[in-house]
Amino acid sequence: MAKKLRIRQVRSGNGAPGRQRRTLEALGLRHHQDEVVKEDGPSIRGMLRRVSHLIEVEEIDGNNG
């Protein structure tokens, strides 16, 4: 069963550098308090690391979500 990540934007991307705003958009987070579920992987983890101060991440198993 593939691990999934529940990603929630807790801080606004306004005022953040353009690269961080584009990373949020690539993750599917467009507004404050948006939430998405993504499959865990190295590329997703790299994007999460870049905007870690703007998001909260919770690991969930593949059945729930």
PDB file of N, CA and C in Angstrom:
ATOM      1  N   MET A   1       0.844  -1.175   0.000  1.00  0.00           N
ATOM      2  CA  MET A   1       0.000   0.000   0.000  1.00  0.00           C
ATOM      3  C   MET A   1       0.894   1.245   0.000  1.00  0.00           C
ATOM      4  N   ALA A   2       0.680   2.136  -0.928  1.00  0.00           N
ATOM      5  CA  ALA A   2       1.494   3.345  -1.025  1.00  0.00           C
ATOM      6  C   ALA A   2       1.107   4.330   0.068  1.00  0.00           C
ATOM      7  N   LYS A   3       2.117   4.957   0.643  1.00  0.00           N
ATOM      8  CA  LYS A   3       1.848   5.982   1.640  1.00  0.00           C
ATOM      9  C   LYS A   3       1.378   7.238   0.937  1.00  0.00           C
ATOM     10  N   LYS A   4       0.493   7.945   1.610  1.00  0.00           N
ATOM     11  CA  LYS A   4       0.020   9.216   1.079  1.00  0.00           C
ATOM     12  C   LYS A   4       0.268  10.294   2.115  1.00  0.00           C
ATOM     13  N   LEU A   5       0.281  11.523   1.643  1.00  0.00           N
ATOM     14  CA  LEU A   5       0.515  12.671   2.503  1.00  0.00           C
ATOM     15  C   LEU A   5      -0.657  13.630   2.382  1.00  0.00           C
ATOM     16  N   ARG A   6      -1.186  14.057   3.510  1.00  0.00           N
ATOM     17  CA  ARG A   6      -2.206  15.109   3.526  1.00  0.00           C
ATOM     18  C   ARG A   6      -1.457  16.410   3.789  1.00  0.00           C
ATOM     19  N   ILE A   7      -1.550  17.333   2.847  1.00  0.00           N
ATOM     20  CA  ILE A   7      -0.788  18.579   2.895  1.00  0.00           C
ATOM     21  C   ILE A   7      -1.776  19.731   3.022  1.00  0.00           C
ATOM     22  N   ARG A   8      -1.564  20.580   4.032  1.00  0.00           N
ATOM     23  CA  ARG A   8      -2.457  21.712   4.262  1.00  0.00           C
ATOM     24  C   ARG A   8      -1.631  22.990   4.321  1.00  0.00           C
ATOM     25  N   GLN A   9      -2.069  23.999   3.585  1.00  0.00           N
ATOM     26  CA  GLN A   9      -1.384  25.289   3.598  1.00  0.00           C
ATOM     27  C   GLN A   9      -1.874  26.070   4.809  1.00  0.00           C
ATOM     28  N   VAL A  10      -0.966  26.398   5.729  1.00  0.00           N
ATOM     29  CA  VAL A  10      -1.347  27.086   6.958  1.00  0.00           C
ATOM     30  C   VAL A  10      -0.936  28.557   6.960  1.00  0.00           C
ATOM     31  N   ARG A  11      -0.058  28.943   6.034  1.00  0.00           N
ATOM     32  CA  ARG A  11       0.328  30.345   5.905  1.00  0.00           C
ATOM     33  C   ARG A  11       0.195  30.753   4.446  1.00  0.00           C
ATOM     34  N   SER A  12      -0.111  32.007   4.248  1.00  0.00           N
ATOM     35  CA  SER A  12      -0.298  32.519   2.899  1.00  0.00           C
ATOM     36  C   SER A  12       1.022  32.556   2.135  1.00  0.00           C
ATOM     37  N   GLY A  13       0.924  32.371   0.832  1.00  0.00           N
ATOM     38  CA  GLY A  13       2.093  32.475  -0.028  1.00  0.00           C
ATOM     39  C   GLY A  13       2.392  33.906  -0.431  1.00  0.00           C
ATOM     40  N   ASN A  14       1.503  34.841  -0.086  1.00  0.00           N
ATOM     41  CA  ASN A  14       1.746  36.252  -0.388  1.00  0.00           C
ATOM     42  C   ASN A  14       3.004  36.712   0.335  1.00  0.00           C
ATOM     43  N   GLY A  15       3.860  37.387  -0.368  1.00  0.00           N
ATOM     44  CA  GLY A  15       5.104  37.863   0.220  1.00  0.00           C
ATOM     45  C   GLY A  15       6.235  36.848   0.126  1.00  0.00           C
ATOM     46  N   ALA A  16       5.905  35.621  -0.229  1.00  0.00           N
ATOM     47  CA  ALA A  16       6.940  34.594  -0.403  1.00  0.00           C
ATOM     48  C   ALA A  16       7.590  34.792  -1.772  1.00  0.00           C
ATOM     49  N   PRO A  17       8.841  34.372  -1.920  1.00  0.00           N
ATOM     50  CA  PRO A  17       9.485  34.474  -3.236  1.00  0.00           C
ATOM     51  C   PRO A  17       8.703  33.700  -4.300  1.00  0.00           C
ATOM     52  N   GLY A  18       8.827  34.124  -5.534  1.00  0.00           N
ATOM     53  CA  GLY A  18       8.084  33.513  -6.633  1.00  0.00           C
ATOM     54  C   GLY A  18       8.280  32.011  -6.745  1.00  0.00           C
ATOM     55  N   ARG A  19       9.485  31.544  -6.476  1.00  0.00           N
ATOM     56  CA  ARG A  19       9.757  30.105  -6.578  1.00  0.00           C
ATOM     57  C   ARG A  19       8.922  29.316  -5.568  1.00  0.00           C
ATOM     58  N   GLN A  20       8.752  29.859  -4.367  1.00  0.00           N
ATOM     59  CA  GLN A  20       7.939  29.190  -3.352  1.00  0.00           C
ATOM     60  C   GLN A  20       6.459  29.235  -3.724  1.00  0.00           C
ATOM     61  N   ARG A  21       5.996  30.345  -4.276  1.00  0.00           N
ATOM     62  CA  ARG A  21       4.592  30.432  -4.718  1.00  0.00           C
ATOM     63  C   ARG A  21       4.320  29.434  -5.832  1.00  0.00           C
ATOM     64  N   ARG A  22       5.266  29.286  -6.758  1.00  0.00           N
ATOM     65  CA  ARG A  22       5.097  28.312  -7.842  1.00  0.00           C
ATOM     66  C   ARG A  22       5.107  26.883  -7.306  1.00  0.00           C
ATOM     67  N   THR A  23       5.892  26.628  -6.276  1.00  0.00           N
ATOM     68  CA  THR A  23       5.915  25.299  -5.662  1.00  0.00           C
ATOM     69  C   THR A  23       4.573  24.998  -5.012  1.00  0.00           C
ATOM     70  N   LEU A  24       3.998  25.973  -4.297  1.00  0.00           N
ATOM     71  CA  LEU A  24       2.672  25.776  -3.699  1.00  0.00           C
ATOM     72  C   LEU A  24       1.645  25.464  -4.780  1.00  0.00           C
ATOM     73  N   GLU A  25       1.693  26.200  -5.876  1.00  0.00           N
ATOM     74  CA  GLU A  25       0.743  25.976  -6.962  1.00  0.00           C
ATOM     75  C   GLU A  25       0.944  24.600  -7.593  1.00  0.00           C
ATOM     76  N   ALA A  26       2.191  24.168  -7.734  1.00  0.00           N
ATOM     77  CA  ALA A  26       2.472  22.841  -8.294  1.00  0.00           C
ATOM     78  C   ALA A  26       1.938  21.737  -7.387  1.00  0.00           C
ATOM     79  N   LEU A  27       1.904  21.994  -6.091  1.00  0.00           N
ATOM     80  CA  LEU A  27       1.344  21.030  -5.142  1.00  0.00           C
ATOM     81  C   LEU A  27      -0.188  21.054  -5.149  1.00  0.00           C
ATOM     82  N   GLY A  28      -0.778  22.058  -5.793  1.00  0.00           N
ATOM     83  CA  GLY A  28      -2.234  22.171  -5.832  1.00  0.00           C
ATOM     84  C   GLY A  28      -2.790  23.045  -4.731  1.00  0.00           C
ATOM     85  N   LEU A  29      -1.929  23.801  -4.066  1.00  0.00           N
ATOM     86  CA  LEU A  29      -2.341  24.689  -2.975  1.00  0.00           C
ATOM     87  C   LEU A  29      -2.389  26.112  -3.507  1.00  0.00           C
ATOM     88  N   ARG A  30      -3.573  26.651  -3.618  1.00  0.00           N
ATOM     89  CA  ARG A  30      -3.727  27.985  -4.190  1.00  0.00           C
ATOM     90  C   ARG A  30      -4.129  29.029  -3.155  1.00  0.00           C
ATOM     91  N   HIS A  31      -4.790  28.604  -2.092  1.00  0.00           N
ATOM     92  CA  HIS A  31      -5.294  29.545  -1.093  1.00  0.00           C
ATOM     93  C   HIS A  31      -4.931  29.065   0.305  1.00  0.00           C
ATOM     94  N   HIS A  32      -4.893  29.994   1.232  1.00  0.00           N
ATOM     95  CA  HIS A  32      -4.681  29.677   2.642  1.00  0.00           C
ATOM     96  C   HIS A  32      -5.743  28.669   3.084  1.00  0.00           C
ATOM     97  N   GLN A  33      -5.352  27.643   3.824  1.00  0.00           N
ATOM     98  CA  GLN A  33      -6.203  26.565   4.336  1.00  0.00           C
ATOM     99  C   GLN A  33      -6.604  25.539   3.280  1.00  0.00           C
ATOM    100  N   ASP A  34      -6.066  25.612   2.063  1.00  0.00           N
ATOM    101  CA  ASP A  34      -6.294  24.548   1.078  1.00  0.00           C
ATOM    102  C   ASP A  34      -5.653  23.259   1.575  1.00  0.00           C
ATOM    103  N   GLU A  35      -6.240  22.130   1.184  1.00  0.00           N
ATOM    104  CA  GLU A  35      -5.724  20.826   1.592  1.00  0.00           C
ATOM    105  C   GLU A  35      -5.750  19.886   0.392  1.00  0.00           C
ATOM    106  N   VAL A  36      -4.667  19.118   0.216  1.00  0.00           N
ATOM    107  CA  VAL A  36      -4.581  18.139  -0.864  1.00  0.00           C
ATOM    108  C   VAL A  36      -3.981  16.849  -0.315  1.00  0.00           C
ATOM    109  N   VAL A  37      -4.227  15.748  -1.020  1.00  0.00           N
ATOM    110  CA  VAL A  37      -3.617  14.461  -0.689  1.00  0.00           C
ATOM    111  C   VAL A  37      -2.761  14.048  -1.879  1.00  0.00           C
ATOM    112  N   LYS A  38      -1.496  13.756  -1.617  1.00  0.00           N
ATOM    113  CA  LYS A  38      -0.546  13.369  -2.666  1.00  0.00           C
ATOM    114  C   LYS A  38       0.130  12.069  -2.265  1.00  0.00           C
ATOM    115  N   GLU A  39       0.536  11.279  -3.274  1.00  0.00           N
ATOM    116  CA  GLU A  39       1.325  10.076  -3.009  1.00  0.00           C
ATOM    117  C   GLU A  39       2.733  10.494  -2.606  1.00  0.00           C
ATOM    118  N   ASP A  40       3.286   9.798  -1.622  1.00  0.00           N
ATOM    119  CA  ASP A  40       4.627  10.096  -1.132  1.00  0.00           C
ATOM    120  C   ASP A  40       5.666   9.701  -2.177  1.00  0.00           C
ATOM    121  N   GLY A  41       6.673  10.527  -2.337  1.00  0.00           N
ATOM    122  CA  GLY A  41       7.764  10.243  -3.268  1.00  0.00           C
ATOM    123  C   GLY A  41       8.856  11.284  -3.118  1.00  0.00           C
ATOM    124  N   PRO A  42      10.006  11.031  -3.679  1.00  0.00           N
ATOM    125  CA  PRO A  42      11.132  11.957  -3.525  1.00  0.00           C
ATOM    126  C   PRO A  42      10.863  13.355  -4.082  1.00  0.00           C
ATOM    127  N   SER A  43      10.186  13.453  -5.212  1.00  0.00           N
ATOM    128  CA  SER A  43       9.942  14.775  -5.796  1.00  0.00           C
ATOM    129  C   SER A  43       8.966  15.582  -4.942  1.00  0.00           C
ATOM    130  N   ILE A  44       7.938  14.912  -4.417  1.00  0.00           N
ATOM    131  CA  ILE A  44       6.979  15.588  -3.539  1.00  0.00           C
ATOM    132  C   ILE A  44       7.681  16.028  -2.256  1.00  0.00           C
ATOM    133  N   ARG A  45       8.519  15.145  -1.688  1.00  0.00           N
ATOM    134  CA  ARG A  45       9.248  15.487  -0.455  1.00  0.00           C
ATOM    135  C   ARG A  45      10.150  16.704  -0.675  1.00  0.00           C
ATOM    136  N   GLY A  46      10.768  16.807  -1.835  1.00  0.00           N
ATOM    137  CA  GLY A  46      11.607  17.961  -2.138  1.00  0.00           C
ATOM    138  C   GLY A  46      10.803  19.248  -2.197  1.00  0.00           C
ATOM    139  N   MET A  47       9.625  19.182  -2.808  1.00  0.00           N
ATOM    140  CA  MET A  47       8.766  20.367  -2.866  1.00  0.00           C
ATOM    141  C   MET A  47       8.294  20.757  -1.471  1.00  0.00           C
ATOM    142  N   LEU A  48       7.945  19.762  -0.651  1.00  0.00           N
ATOM    143  CA  LEU A  48       7.484  20.041   0.708  1.00  0.00           C
ATOM    144  C   LEU A  48       8.588  20.696   1.534  1.00  0.00           C
ATOM    145  N   ARG A  49       9.812  20.250   1.347  1.00  0.00           N
ATOM    146  CA  ARG A  49      10.938  20.825   2.087  1.00  0.00           C
ATOM    147  C   ARG A  49      11.111  22.301   1.739  1.00  0.00           C
ATOM    148  N   ARG A  50      10.883  22.645   0.474  1.00  0.00           N
ATOM    149  CA  ARG A  50      11.072  24.028   0.034  1.00  0.00           C
ATOM    150  C   ARG A  50      10.058  24.990   0.666  1.00  0.00           C
ATOM    151  N   VAL A  51       8.844  24.506   0.949  1.00  0.00           N
ATOM    152  CA  VAL A  51       7.798  25.381   1.506  1.00  0.00           C
ATOM    153  C   VAL A  51       7.350  24.902   2.891  1.00  0.00           C
ATOM    154  N   SER A  52       8.238  24.252   3.623  1.00  0.00           N
ATOM    155  CA  SER A  52       7.877  23.647   4.911  1.00  0.00           C
ATOM    156  C   SER A  52       7.357  24.666   5.922  1.00  0.00           C
ATOM    157  N   HIS A  53       7.761  25.922   5.814  1.00  0.00           N
ATOM    158  CA  HIS A  53       7.314  26.949   6.747  1.00  0.00           C
ATOM    159  C   HIS A  53       5.901  27.445   6.433  1.00  0.00           C
ATOM    160  N   LEU A  54       5.333  27.028   5.297  1.00  0.00           N
ATOM    161  CA  LEU A  54       3.995  27.472   4.896  1.00  0.00           C
ATOM    162  C   LEU A  54       2.943  26.371   5.001  1.00  0.00           C
ATOM    163  N   ILE A  55       3.356  25.141   5.302  1.00  0.00           N
ATOM    164  CA  ILE A  55       2.440  24.001   5.239  1.00  0.00           C
ATOM    165  C   ILE A  55       2.527  23.128   6.485  1.00  0.00           C
ATOM    166  N   GLU A  56       1.523  22.254   6.629  1.00  0.00           N
ATOM    167  CA  GLU A  56       1.545  21.159   7.598  1.00  0.00           C
ATOM    168  C   GLU A  56       1.378  19.876   6.808  1.00  0.00           C
ATOM    169  N   VAL A  57       2.097  18.829   7.200  1.00  0.00           N
ATOM    170  CA  VAL A  57       2.049  17.557   6.486  1.00  0.00           C
ATOM    171  C   VAL A  57       1.704  16.455   7.469  1.00  0.00           C
ATOM    172  N   GLU A  58       0.778  15.585   7.050  1.00  0.00           N
ATOM    173  CA  GLU A  58       0.378  14.439   7.863  1.00  0.00           C
ATOM    174  C   GLU A  58       0.443  13.197   6.986  1.00  0.00           C
ATOM    175  N   GLU A  59       1.108  12.151   7.474  1.00  0.00           N
ATOM    176  CA  GLU A  59       1.172  10.895   6.726  1.00  0.00           C
ATOM    177  C   GLU A  59      -0.098  10.103   6.989  1.00  0.00           C
ATOM    178  N   ILE A  60      -0.683   9.557   5.922  1.00  0.00           N
ATOM    179  CA  ILE A  60      -1.863   8.707   6.046  1.00  0.00           C
ATOM    180  C   ILE A  60      -1.610   7.443   5.241  1.00  0.00           C
ATOM    181  N   ASP A  61      -2.299   6.363   5.595  1.00  0.00           N
ATOM    182  CA  ASP A  61      -2.125   5.143   4.799  1.00  0.00           C
ATOM    183  C   ASP A  61      -2.993   5.239   3.554  1.00  0.00           C
ATOM    184  N   GLY A  62      -2.788   4.356   2.605  1.00  0.00           N
ATOM    185  CA  GLY A  62      -3.471   4.413   1.315  1.00  0.00           C
ATOM    186  C   GLY A  62      -4.969   4.210   1.386  1.00  0.00           C
ATOM    187  N   ASN A  63      -5.492   3.599   2.466  1.00  0.00           N
ATOM    188  CA  ASN A  63      -6.926   3.331   2.568  1.00  0.00           C
ATOM    189  C   ASN A  63      -7.723   4.544   3.007  1.00  0.00           C
ATOM    190  N   ASN A  64      -7.152   5.355   3.881  1.00  0.00           N
ATOM    191  CA  ASN A  64      -7.862   6.520   4.411  1.00  0.00           C
ATOM    192  C   ASN A  64      -7.455   7.748   3.633  1.00  0.00           C
ATOM    193  N   GLY A  65      -8.329   8.733   3.629  1.00  0.00           N
ATOM    194  CA  GLY A  65      -7.912   9.940   2.957  1.00  0.00           C
ATOM    195  C   GLY A  65      -9.061  10.628   2.368  1.00  0.00           C
TER     196      GLY A  65
END
